[in-house]
Amino acid sequence: MYFSLESEFVEIRVDFATLKSRLVNHINKRINNGEFTERGLARLLGISQPQVHNVLKGARKLSCEVGDRILVKLDVSLLDLIADQPRTEN
């Protein structure tokens, strides 16, 4: 018996602004789940708690440097952030 497998090509489009937004949302979810506090995250990242608070609330932009530190310290990959992206078929 033969089986035919068809590959479905799915295109995922994501820009840097979306990745930054998803990273902030990811952090907020983890704080809300009680994994850590803003203060604990600030200590881990080596920045002030008010800076973390302002980034999470959108009053301050997430810099690339801090974003990279978050990815490393919290073991989050860009693929984790893309995974929630709605997929569009060609």
C-alpha atoms as a PDB file:
ATOM      1  CA  MET A   1       0.000   0.000   0.000  1.00  0.00           C
ATOM      2  CA  TYR A   2       1.302   3.462  -0.866  1.00  0.00           C
ATOM      3  CA  PHE A   3       0.692   6.643   1.017  1.00  0.00           C
ATOM      4  CA  SER A   4       0.818  10.062  -0.434  1.00  0.00           C
ATOM      5  CA  LEU A   5       2.105  12.821   1.805  1.00  0.00           C
ATOM      6  CA  GLU A   6       1.619  16.372   0.812  1.00  0.00           C
ATOM      7  CA  SER A   7       3.692  19.101   2.284  1.00  0.00           C
ATOM      8  CA  GLU A   8       1.822  22.197   3.255  1.00  0.00           C
ATOM      9  CA  PHE A   9       3.876  25.352   2.788  1.00  0.00           C
ATOM     10  CA  VAL A  10       3.045  27.929   5.376  1.00  0.00           C
ATOM     11  CA  GLU A  11       4.489  31.411   5.402  1.00  0.00           C
ATOM     12  CA  ILE A  12       5.149  33.147   8.682  1.00  0.00           C
ATOM     13  CA  ARG A  13       5.722  36.877   8.579  1.00  0.00           C
ATOM     14  CA  VAL A  14       6.863  38.775  11.592  1.00  0.00           C
ATOM     15  CA  ASP A  15       8.623  42.099  12.058  1.00  0.00           C
ATOM     16  CA  PHE A  16      10.842  43.435  14.834  1.00  0.00           C
ATOM     17  CA  ALA A  17       8.065  45.515  16.373  1.00  0.00           C
ATOM     18  CA  THR A  18       5.916  42.391  16.665  1.00  0.00           C
ATOM     19  CA  LEU A  19       8.762  40.432  18.268  1.00  0.00           C
ATOM     20  CA  LYS A  20       9.345  43.215  20.811  1.00  0.00           C
ATOM     21  CA  SER A  21       5.647  43.327  21.615  1.00  0.00           C
ATOM     22  CA  ARG A  22       5.481  39.544  22.002  1.00  0.00           C
ATOM     23  CA  LEU A  23       8.517  39.577  24.288  1.00  0.00           C
ATOM     24  CA  VAL A  24       6.909  42.200  26.542  1.00  0.00           C
ATOM     25  CA  ASN A  25       3.677  40.170  26.578  1.00  0.00           C
ATOM     26  CA  HIS A  26       5.651  37.023  27.397  1.00  0.00           C
ATOM     27  CA  ILE A  27       7.302  38.748  30.367  1.00  0.00           C
ATOM     28  CA  ASN A  28       3.993  40.133  31.620  1.00  0.00           C
ATOM     29  CA  LYS A  29       2.439  36.647  31.485  1.00  0.00           C
ATOM     30  CA  ARG A  30       5.313  35.180  33.490  1.00  0.00           C
ATOM     31  CA  ILE A  31       5.050  37.945  36.092  1.00  0.00           C
ATOM     32  CA  ASN A  32       1.279  37.428  36.322  1.00  0.00           C
ATOM     33  CA  ASN A  33       1.874  33.679  36.736  1.00  0.00           C
ATOM     34  CA  GLY A  34       4.124  34.444  39.715  1.00  0.00           C
ATOM     35  CA  GLU A  35       7.387  33.195  38.199  1.00  0.00           C
ATOM     36  CA  PHE A  36       9.119  36.406  39.234  1.00  0.00           C
ATOM     37  CA  THR A  37       8.438  40.019  40.118  1.00  0.00           C
ATOM     38  CA  GLU A  38       9.421  43.203  38.337  1.00  0.00           C
ATOM     39  CA  ARG A  39      12.030  43.735  41.035  1.00  0.00           C
ATOM     40  CA  GLY A  40      13.414  40.212  40.603  1.00  0.00           C
ATOM     41  CA  LEU A  41      13.551  40.613  36.842  1.00  0.00           C
ATOM     42  CA  ALA A  42      15.315  43.961  37.199  1.00  0.00           C
ATOM     43  CA  ARG A  43      17.958  42.389  39.442  1.00  0.00           C
ATOM     44  CA  LEU A  44      18.423  39.524  36.995  1.00  0.00           C
ATOM     45  CA  LEU A  45      18.869  41.955  34.101  1.00  0.00           C
ATOM     46  CA  GLY A  46      21.012  44.459  35.991  1.00  0.00           C
ATOM     47  CA  ILE A  47      18.623  47.369  35.446  1.00  0.00           C
ATOM     48  CA  SER A  48      16.328  49.352  37.726  1.00  0.00           C
ATOM     49  CA  GLN A  49      12.841  48.180  38.706  1.00  0.00           C
ATOM     50  CA  PRO A  50      11.276  51.445  37.435  1.00  0.00           C
ATOM     51  CA  GLN A  51      12.902  50.837  34.045  1.00  0.00           C
ATOM     52  CA  VAL A  52      11.393  47.331  33.901  1.00  0.00           C
ATOM     53  CA  HIS A  53       8.008  48.682  34.982  1.00  0.00           C
ATOM     54  CA  ASN A  54       8.031  51.427  32.351  1.00  0.00           C
ATOM     55  CA  VAL A  55       8.985  48.995  29.568  1.00  0.00           C
ATOM     56  CA  LEU A  56       6.265  46.534  30.580  1.00  0.00           C
ATOM     57  CA  LYS A  57       3.635  49.270  30.705  1.00  0.00           C
ATOM     58  CA  GLY A  58       4.694  50.785  27.379  1.00  0.00           C
ATOM     59  CA  ALA A  59       5.905  54.085  28.817  1.00  0.00           C
ATOM     60  CA  ARG A  60       9.447  53.300  27.681  1.00  0.00           C
ATOM     61  CA  LYS A  61      10.694  51.410  24.627  1.00  0.00           C
ATOM     62  CA  LEU A  62      12.439  48.077  24.998  1.00  0.00           C
ATOM     63  CA  SER A  63      16.010  48.540  23.827  1.00  0.00           C
ATOM     64  CA  CYS A  64      17.720  45.856  21.779  1.00  0.00           C
ATOM     65  CA  GLU A  65      20.353  45.450  24.503  1.00  0.00           C
ATOM     66  CA  VAL A  66      17.785  44.817  27.231  1.00  0.00           C
ATOM     67  CA  GLY A  67      15.745  42.636  24.889  1.00  0.00           C
ATOM     68  CA  ASP A  68      18.790  40.462  24.229  1.00  0.00           C
ATOM     69  CA  ARG A  69      19.489  40.179  27.963  1.00  0.00           C
ATOM     70  CA  ILE A  70      15.900  39.089  28.567  1.00  0.00           C
ATOM     71  CA  LEU A  71      16.108  36.426  25.865  1.00  0.00           C
ATOM     72  CA  VAL A  72      19.298  35.000  27.363  1.00  0.00           C
ATOM     73  CA  LYS A  73      18.419  35.256  31.062  1.00  0.00           C
ATOM     74  CA  LEU A  74      14.887  33.863  30.646  1.00  0.00           C
ATOM     75  CA  ASP A  75      15.943  31.280  28.039  1.00  0.00           C
ATOM     76  CA  VAL A  76      13.445  32.524  25.454  1.00  0.00           C
ATOM     77  CA  SER A  77      14.186  32.034  21.762  1.00  0.00           C
ATOM     78  CA  LEU A  78      12.893  34.071  18.869  1.00  0.00           C
ATOM     79  CA  LEU A  79      11.139  30.912  17.699  1.00  0.00           C
ATOM     80  CA  ASP A  80       9.192  30.908  20.976  1.00  0.00           C
ATOM     81  CA  LEU A  81       7.977  34.404  20.150  1.00  0.00           C
ATOM     82  CA  ILE A  82       7.113  33.501  16.568  1.00  0.00           C
ATOM     83  CA  ALA A  83       5.234  30.341  17.595  1.00  0.00           C
ATOM     84  CA  ASP A  84       2.079  32.288  18.452  1.00  0.00           C
ATOM     85  CA  GLN A  85       2.122  34.070  15.088  1.00  0.00           C
ATOM     86  CA  PRO A  86      -1.002  33.425  13.022  1.00  0.00           C
ATOM     87  CA  ARG A  87       0.014  31.556   9.882  1.00  0.00           C
ATOM     88  CA  THR A  88      -1.076  32.536   6.430  1.00  0.00           C
ATOM     89  CA  GLU A  89      -1.198  30.033   3.597  1.00  0.00           C
ATOM     90  CA  ASN A  90       0.246  30.905   0.193  1.00  0.00           C
END
